[in-house]
Amino acid sequence: MTNLGISEKPPPMAELGVQEGFPSEAEANASKTTGSARGSKARVVLTDQTNLLPFNKIVLVFLSLGLCIVVSSLDSVVVATALPTISETFDAGAVISWVPASFLLTSTSFQPLYGRFSDIFGRKAALSVSMVVFMIGNLIAGFSKSIVQLIIARGISGAGGGKNLLFSAFLIMLDVKSQGGIISMCQIVVSDIVTLRDR
């Protein structure tokens, strides 16, 4: 293989400018204070970003997140059960299929945004906004007077609920549909407060 210009043994890491091992605490502090230009060989220091909470607070957080997931899942069950009656009341016919479709379209488009919003504004703020938009959409849907208003309101509700595809695959096995702006935010919060080893 040497005739192709590929050596059998890779070069040592020092030749590539990579230093092996973790930096000492003094080196980490020195690299923070000195700053570095773009092309220099500065070390990257990884920090543990897990927010460890006492057990009592973890239980409270999990109960709160569970309540959010129950409300989110209950919405799907209620709408699916009431859809034939709603179609009959509004004389919607084939247009009724837009009620779940509008929810899924907006939820799919908004789901990546909630992860980004949670990085920028914080987990609590993103989850709260998700729940508020979800509740406002459901409130408007409850007072809608026509099928068009209902479709638009379900779209607003989907923007708050958002659909999480990975969690949905798990919930499909349990015959439950999910709204992922809420559910994905719950998963992000759990990953923040519980270490990977403890999960």
C-alpha atoms as a PDB file:
ATOM      1  CA  MET A   1       0.000   0.000   0.000  1.00  0.00           C
ATOM      2  CA  THR A   2       2.983   2.308   0.323  1.00  0.00           C
ATOM      3  CA  ASN A   3       3.146   2.708  -3.436  1.00  0.00           C
ATOM      4  CA  LEU A   4      -0.153   4.648  -3.316  1.00  0.00           C
ATOM      5  CA  GLY A   5       1.306   7.208  -0.930  1.00  0.00           C
ATOM      6  CA  ILE A   6      -0.501   5.795   2.083  1.00  0.00           C
ATOM      7  CA  SER A   7       1.708   4.789   4.957  1.00  0.00           C
ATOM      8  CA  GLU A   8       0.788   1.718   6.949  1.00  0.00           C
ATOM      9  CA  LYS A   9       1.357   3.445  10.295  1.00  0.00           C
ATOM     10  CA  PRO A  10      -0.387   6.752  10.982  1.00  0.00           C
ATOM     11  CA  PRO A  11       1.845   9.681  11.996  1.00  0.00           C
ATOM     12  CA  PRO A  12       2.098  10.486  15.695  1.00  0.00           C
ATOM     13  CA  MET A  13      -0.488  12.907  17.028  1.00  0.00           C
ATOM     14  CA  ALA A  14       2.227  15.417  17.961  1.00  0.00           C
ATOM     15  CA  GLU A  15       3.166  15.813  14.263  1.00  0.00           C
ATOM     16  CA  LEU A  16      -0.447  16.750  13.496  1.00  0.00           C
ATOM     17  CA  GLY A  17      -0.440  19.409  16.210  1.00  0.00           C
ATOM     18  CA  VAL A  18      -2.849  17.498  18.440  1.00  0.00           C
ATOM     19  CA  GLN A  19      -1.920  16.991  22.065  1.00  0.00           C
ATOM     20  CA  GLU A  20      -3.256  13.870  23.703  1.00  0.00           C
ATOM     21  CA  GLY A  21      -4.932  13.733  27.096  1.00  0.00           C
ATOM     22  CA  PHE A  22      -6.937  16.279  29.034  1.00  0.00           C
ATOM     23  CA  PRO A  23      -5.428  19.627  30.007  1.00  0.00           C
ATOM     24  CA  SER A  24      -4.631  20.320  33.603  1.00  0.00           C
ATOM     25  CA  GLU A  25      -6.700  22.875  35.484  1.00  0.00           C
ATOM     26  CA  ALA A  26      -3.876  25.426  35.258  1.00  0.00           C
ATOM     27  CA  GLU A  27      -3.572  24.949  31.493  1.00  0.00           C
ATOM     28  CA  ALA A  28      -7.354  25.305  31.087  1.00  0.00           C
ATOM     29  CA  ASN A  29      -7.344  28.573  33.037  1.00  0.00           C
ATOM     30  CA  ALA A  30      -4.337  29.854  31.070  1.00  0.00           C
ATOM     31  CA  SER A  31      -6.044  29.107  27.746  1.00  0.00           C
ATOM     32  CA  LYS A  32      -9.144  31.002  28.890  1.00  0.00           C
ATOM     33  CA  THR A  33      -7.200  34.098  29.947  1.00  0.00           C
ATOM     34  CA  THR A  34      -4.722  34.373  27.085  1.00  0.00           C
ATOM     35  CA  GLY A  35      -7.192  34.034  24.241  1.00  0.00           C
ATOM     36  CA  SER A  36      -6.005  32.816  20.893  1.00  0.00           C
ATOM     37  CA  ALA A  37      -5.953  33.849  17.282  1.00  0.00           C
ATOM     38  CA  ARG A  38      -7.840  31.885  14.683  1.00  0.00           C
ATOM     39  CA  GLY A  39      -4.965  29.761  13.429  1.00  0.00           C
ATOM     40  CA  SER A  40      -3.239  28.968  16.734  1.00  0.00           C
ATOM     41  CA  LYS A  41      -3.249  25.587  18.413  1.00  0.00           C
ATOM     42  CA  ALA A  42      -5.506  26.276  21.406  1.00  0.00           C
ATOM     43  CA  ARG A  43      -6.958  23.439  23.427  1.00  0.00           C
ATOM     44  CA  VAL A  44     -10.673  22.954  23.736  1.00  0.00           C
ATOM     45  CA  VAL A  45     -11.789  22.454  27.301  1.00  0.00           C
ATOM     46  CA  LEU A  46     -15.004  20.524  27.796  1.00  0.00           C
ATOM     47  CA  THR A  47     -17.175  21.366  30.764  1.00  0.00           C
ATOM     48  CA  ASP A  48     -19.914  19.328  32.357  1.00  0.00           C
ATOM     49  CA  GLN A  49     -23.182  21.131  31.627  1.00  0.00           C
ATOM     50  CA  THR A  50     -25.476  18.778  33.518  1.00  0.00           C
ATOM     51  CA  ASN A  51     -27.670  20.519  36.076  1.00  0.00           C
ATOM     52  CA  LEU A  52     -27.796  18.054  38.938  1.00  0.00           C
ATOM     53  CA  LEU A  53     -30.829  18.573  41.141  1.00  0.00           C
ATOM     54  CA  PRO A  54     -31.784  17.078  44.479  1.00  0.00           C
ATOM     55  CA  PHE A  55     -34.140  14.106  44.349  1.00  0.00           C
ATOM     56  CA  ASN A  56     -37.166  16.112  45.594  1.00  0.00           C
ATOM     57  CA  LYS A  57     -36.804  18.643  42.793  1.00  0.00           C
ATOM     58  CA  ILE A  58     -36.304  15.912  40.195  1.00  0.00           C
ATOM     59  CA  VAL A  59     -39.584  14.313  41.287  1.00  0.00           C
ATOM     60  CA  LEU A  60     -41.355  17.679  41.009  1.00  0.00           C
ATOM     61  CA  VAL A  61     -39.883  18.327  37.554  1.00  0.00           C
ATOM     62  CA  PHE A  62     -40.858  14.855  36.338  1.00  0.00           C
ATOM     63  CA  LEU A  63     -44.424  15.280  37.625  1.00  0.00           C
ATOM     64  CA  SER A  64     -44.663  18.639  35.843  1.00  0.00           C
ATOM     65  CA  LEU A  65     -43.275  17.229  32.608  1.00  0.00           C
ATOM     66  CA  GLY A  66     -45.629  14.256  32.902  1.00  0.00           C
ATOM     67  CA  LEU A  67     -48.567  16.639  33.227  1.00  0.00           C
ATOM     68  CA  CYS A  68     -47.465  18.448  30.048  1.00  0.00           C
ATOM     69  CA  ILE A  69     -47.253  15.149  28.166  1.00  0.00           C
ATOM     70  CA  VAL A  70     -50.679  14.008  29.444  1.00  0.00           C
ATOM     71  CA  VAL A  71     -52.296  17.270  28.286  1.00  0.00           C
ATOM     72  CA  SER A  72     -50.554  16.997  24.930  1.00  0.00           C
ATOM     73  CA  SER A  73     -51.549  13.364  24.389  1.00  0.00           C
ATOM     74  CA  LEU A  74     -55.088  13.913  25.621  1.00  0.00           C
ATOM     75  CA  ASP A  75     -55.572  16.519  22.894  1.00  0.00           C
ATOM     76  CA  SER A  76     -54.953  13.959  20.146  1.00  0.00           C
ATOM     77  CA  VAL A  77     -57.364  11.466  21.657  1.00  0.00           C
ATOM     78  CA  VAL A  78     -60.135  14.037  22.122  1.00  0.00           C
ATOM     79  CA  VAL A  79     -59.816  15.463  18.602  1.00  0.00           C
ATOM     80  CA  ALA A  80     -59.698  12.027  16.963  1.00  0.00           C
ATOM     81  CA  THR A  81     -62.826  10.982  18.862  1.00  0.00           C
ATOM     82  CA  ALA A  82     -64.747  14.188  18.108  1.00  0.00           C
ATOM     83  CA  LEU A  83     -63.769  14.510  14.426  1.00  0.00           C
ATOM     84  CA  PRO A  84     -66.803  12.642  12.961  1.00  0.00           C
ATOM     85  CA  THR A  85     -69.209  14.765  15.015  1.00  0.00           C
ATOM     86  CA  ILE A  86     -67.377  17.960  14.044  1.00  0.00           C
ATOM     87  CA  SER A  87     -67.524  16.973  10.377  1.00  0.00           C
ATOM     88  CA  GLU A  88     -71.249  16.360  10.646  1.00  0.00           C
ATOM     89  CA  THR A  89     -71.882  19.668  12.466  1.00  0.00           C
ATOM     90  CA  PHE A  90     -69.926  21.799  10.000  1.00  0.00           C
ATOM     91  CA  ASP A  91     -71.021  19.677   7.002  1.00  0.00           C
ATOM     92  CA  ALA A  92     -67.344  19.489   6.109  1.00  0.00           C
ATOM     93  CA  GLY A  93     -67.209  16.355   3.971  1.00  0.00           C
ATOM     94  CA  ALA A  94     -63.707  15.666   2.660  1.00  0.00           C
ATOM     95  CA  VAL A  95     -62.384  19.004   3.974  1.00  0.00           C
ATOM     96  CA  ILE A  96     -62.316  17.537   7.493  1.00  0.00           C
ATOM     97  CA  SER A  97     -59.050  15.777   6.608  1.00  0.00           C
ATOM     98  CA  TRP A  98     -57.368  19.203   6.758  1.00  0.00           C
ATOM     99  CA  VAL A  99     -57.943  19.414  10.519  1.00  0.00           C
ATOM    100  CA  PRO A 100     -55.252  16.864  11.420  1.00  0.00           C
ATOM    101  CA  ALA A 101     -53.209  17.750   8.326  1.00  0.00           C
ATOM    102  CA  SER A 102     -52.889  21.409   9.353  1.00  0.00           C
ATOM    103  CA  PHE A 103     -51.805  20.314  12.814  1.00  0.00           C
ATOM    104  CA  LEU A 104     -49.154  17.976  11.398  1.00  0.00           C
ATOM    105  CA  LEU A 105     -47.863  20.518   8.860  1.00  0.00           C
ATOM    106  CA  THR A 106     -47.280  23.255  11.404  1.00  0.00           C
ATOM    107  CA  SER A 107     -45.994  20.896  14.064  1.00  0.00           C
ATOM    108  CA  THR A 108     -43.431  19.426  11.691  1.00  0.00           C
ATOM    109  CA  SER A 109     -42.206  22.854  10.665  1.00  0.00           C
ATOM    110  CA  PHE A 110     -42.025  24.254  14.206  1.00  0.00           C
ATOM    111  CA  GLN A 111     -40.431  21.307  15.973  1.00  0.00           C
ATOM    112  CA  PRO A 112     -36.799  22.131  15.042  1.00  0.00           C
ATOM    113  CA  LEU A 113     -37.337  25.722  16.137  1.00  0.00           C
ATOM    114  CA  TYR A 114     -38.187  24.765  19.712  1.00  0.00           C
ATOM    115  CA  GLY A 115     -34.844  23.031  20.165  1.00  0.00           C
ATOM    116  CA  ARG A 116     -33.069  26.139  18.940  1.00  0.00           C
ATOM    117  CA  PHE A 117     -35.261  28.471  20.999  1.00  0.00           C
ATOM    118  CA  SER A 118     -34.492  26.414  24.092  1.00  0.00           C
ATOM    119  CA  ASP A 119     -30.764  26.879  23.473  1.00  0.00           C
ATOM    120  CA  ILE A 120     -31.190  30.637  23.106  1.00  0.00           C
ATOM    121  CA  PHE A 121     -33.893  31.531  25.642  1.00  0.00           C
ATOM    122  CA  GLY A 122     -33.734  28.595  28.059  1.00  0.00           C
ATOM    123  CA  ARG A 123     -35.674  25.363  28.544  1.00  0.00           C
ATOM    124  CA  LYS A 124     -38.365  26.771  30.820  1.00  0.00           C
ATOM    125  CA  ALA A 125     -39.161  29.682  28.492  1.00  0.00           C
ATOM    126  CA  ALA A 126     -39.358  27.460  25.400  1.00  0.00           C
ATOM    127  CA  LEU A 127     -41.586  24.897  27.134  1.00  0.00           C
ATOM    128  CA  SER A 128     -43.819  27.660  28.496  1.00  0.00           C
ATOM    129  CA  VAL A 129     -44.190  29.311  25.083  1.00  0.00           C
ATOM    130  CA  SER A 130     -44.922  25.917  23.551  1.00  0.00           C
ATOM    131  CA  MET A 131     -47.682  25.233  26.090  1.00  0.00           C
ATOM    132  CA  VAL A 132     -49.188  28.744  25.749  1.00  0.00           C
ATOM    133  CA  VAL A 133     -49.328  28.586  21.940  1.00  0.00           C
ATOM    134  CA  PHE A 134     -50.783  25.069  22.185  1.00  0.00           C
ATOM    135  CA  MET A 135     -53.495  26.221  24.645  1.00  0.00           C
ATOM    136  CA  ILE A 136     -54.365  29.328  22.605  1.00  0.00           C
ATOM    137  CA  GLY A 137     -54.724  27.209  19.462  1.00  0.00           C
ATOM    138  CA  ASN A 138     -56.994  24.762  21.276  1.00  0.00           C
ATOM    139  CA  LEU A 139     -59.035  27.601  22.779  1.00  0.00           C
ATOM    140  CA  ILE A 140     -59.591  29.146  19.343  1.00  0.00           C
ATOM    141  CA  ALA A 141     -60.470  25.702  17.959  1.00  0.00           C
ATOM    142  CA  GLY A 142     -63.050  25.251  20.708  1.00  0.00           C
ATOM    143  CA  PHE A 143     -64.818  28.510  19.791  1.00  0.00           C
ATOM    144  CA  SER A 144     -64.524  28.167  16.003  1.00  0.00           C
ATOM    145  CA  LYS A 145     -67.724  28.786  14.013  1.00  0.00           C
ATOM    146  CA  SER A 146     -66.668  27.254  10.681  1.00  0.00           C
ATOM    147  CA  ILE A 147     -64.459  24.489   9.365  1.00  0.00           C
ATOM    148  CA  VAL A 148     -61.926  27.039   8.038  1.00  0.00           C
ATOM    149  CA  GLN A 149     -61.560  28.588  11.497  1.00  0.00           C
ATOM    150  CA  LEU A 150     -61.102  25.118  12.965  1.00  0.00           C
ATOM    151  CA  ILE A 151     -58.390  24.240  10.438  1.00  0.00           C
ATOM    152  CA  ILE A 152     -56.508  27.476  11.146  1.00  0.00           C
ATOM    153  CA  ALA A 153     -56.870  26.993  14.916  1.00  0.00           C
ATOM    154  CA  ARG A 154     -55.535  23.442  14.698  1.00  0.00           C
ATOM    155  CA  GLY A 155     -52.588  24.831  12.737  1.00  0.00           C
ATOM    156  CA  ILE A 156     -51.890  27.277  15.571  1.00  0.00           C
ATOM    157  CA  SER A 157     -52.216  24.430  18.053  1.00  0.00           C
ATOM    158  CA  GLY A 158     -49.747  22.369  16.022  1.00  0.00           C
ATOM    159  CA  ALA A 159     -47.255  25.246  16.122  1.00  0.00           C
ATOM    160  CA  GLY A 160     -47.304  24.951  19.906  1.00  0.00           C
ATOM    161  CA  GLY A 161     -47.526  21.200  20.068  1.00  0.00           C
ATOM    162  CA  GLY A 162     -45.038  20.363  17.352  1.00  0.00           C
ATOM    163  CA  LYS A 163     -44.492  16.712  16.407  1.00  0.00           C
ATOM    164  CA  ASN A 164     -41.525  14.729  17.598  1.00  0.00           C
ATOM    165  CA  LEU A 165     -40.940  11.874  15.178  1.00  0.00           C
ATOM    166  CA  LEU A 166     -38.645   9.782  17.378  1.00  0.00           C
ATOM    167  CA  PHE A 167     -40.924   9.872  20.386  1.00  0.00           C
ATOM    168  CA  SER A 168     -43.919   9.292  18.106  1.00  0.00           C
ATOM    169  CA  ALA A 169     -42.484   5.973  16.969  1.00  0.00           C
ATOM    170  CA  PHE A 170     -42.427   4.848  20.601  1.00  0.00           C
ATOM    171  CA  LEU A 171     -45.917   6.200  21.270  1.00  0.00           C
ATOM    172  CA  ILE A 172     -47.348   4.562  18.137  1.00  0.00           C
ATOM    173  CA  MET A 173     -46.543   1.233  19.767  1.00  0.00           C
ATOM    174  CA  LEU A 174     -48.647   2.420  22.713  1.00  0.00           C
ATOM    175  CA  ASP A 175     -51.404   3.736  20.359  1.00  0.00           C
ATOM    176  CA  VAL A 176     -50.869   7.326  21.499  1.00  0.00           C
ATOM    177  CA  LYS A 177     -50.138  10.291  19.209  1.00  0.00           C
ATOM    178  CA  SER A 178     -47.731  12.972  20.378  1.00  0.00           C
ATOM    179  CA  GLN A 179     -47.212  16.690  20.088  1.00  0.00           C
ATOM    180  CA  GLY A 180     -43.509  17.242  20.108  1.00  0.00           C
ATOM    181  CA  GLY A 181     -42.955  20.955  20.739  1.00  0.00           C
ATOM    182  CA  ILE A 182     -44.102  19.986  24.189  1.00  0.00           C
ATOM    183  CA  ILE A 183     -42.750  16.440  24.192  1.00  0.00           C
ATOM    184  CA  SER A 184     -39.389  17.289  22.632  1.00  0.00           C
ATOM    185  CA  MET A 185     -38.962  20.086  25.171  1.00  0.00           C
ATOM    186  CA  CYS A 186     -39.739  17.579  27.941  1.00  0.00           C
ATOM    187  CA  GLN A 187     -37.081  15.254  26.565  1.00  0.00           C
ATOM    188  CA  ILE A 188     -34.555  18.099  26.423  1.00  0.00           C
ATOM    189  CA  VAL A 189     -35.278  19.021  30.053  1.00  0.00           C
ATOM    190  CA  VAL A 190     -34.868  15.391  31.145  1.00  0.00           C
ATOM    191  CA  SER A 191     -31.537  15.181  29.330  1.00  0.00           C
ATOM    192  CA  ASP A 192     -30.426  18.336  31.139  1.00  0.00           C
ATOM    193  CA  ILE A 193     -31.280  17.265  34.683  1.00  0.00           C
ATOM    194  CA  VAL A 194     -30.496  13.534  34.584  1.00  0.00           C
ATOM    195  CA  THR A 195     -27.044  12.315  33.613  1.00  0.00           C
ATOM    196  CA  LEU A 196     -26.691   9.749  30.861  1.00  0.00           C
ATOM    197  CA  ARG A 197     -25.395   7.222  33.369  1.00  0.00           C
ATOM    198  CA  ASP A 198     -28.520   7.601  35.552  1.00  0.00           C
ATOM    199  CA  ARG A 199     -31.014   7.349  32.701  1.00  0.00           C
END
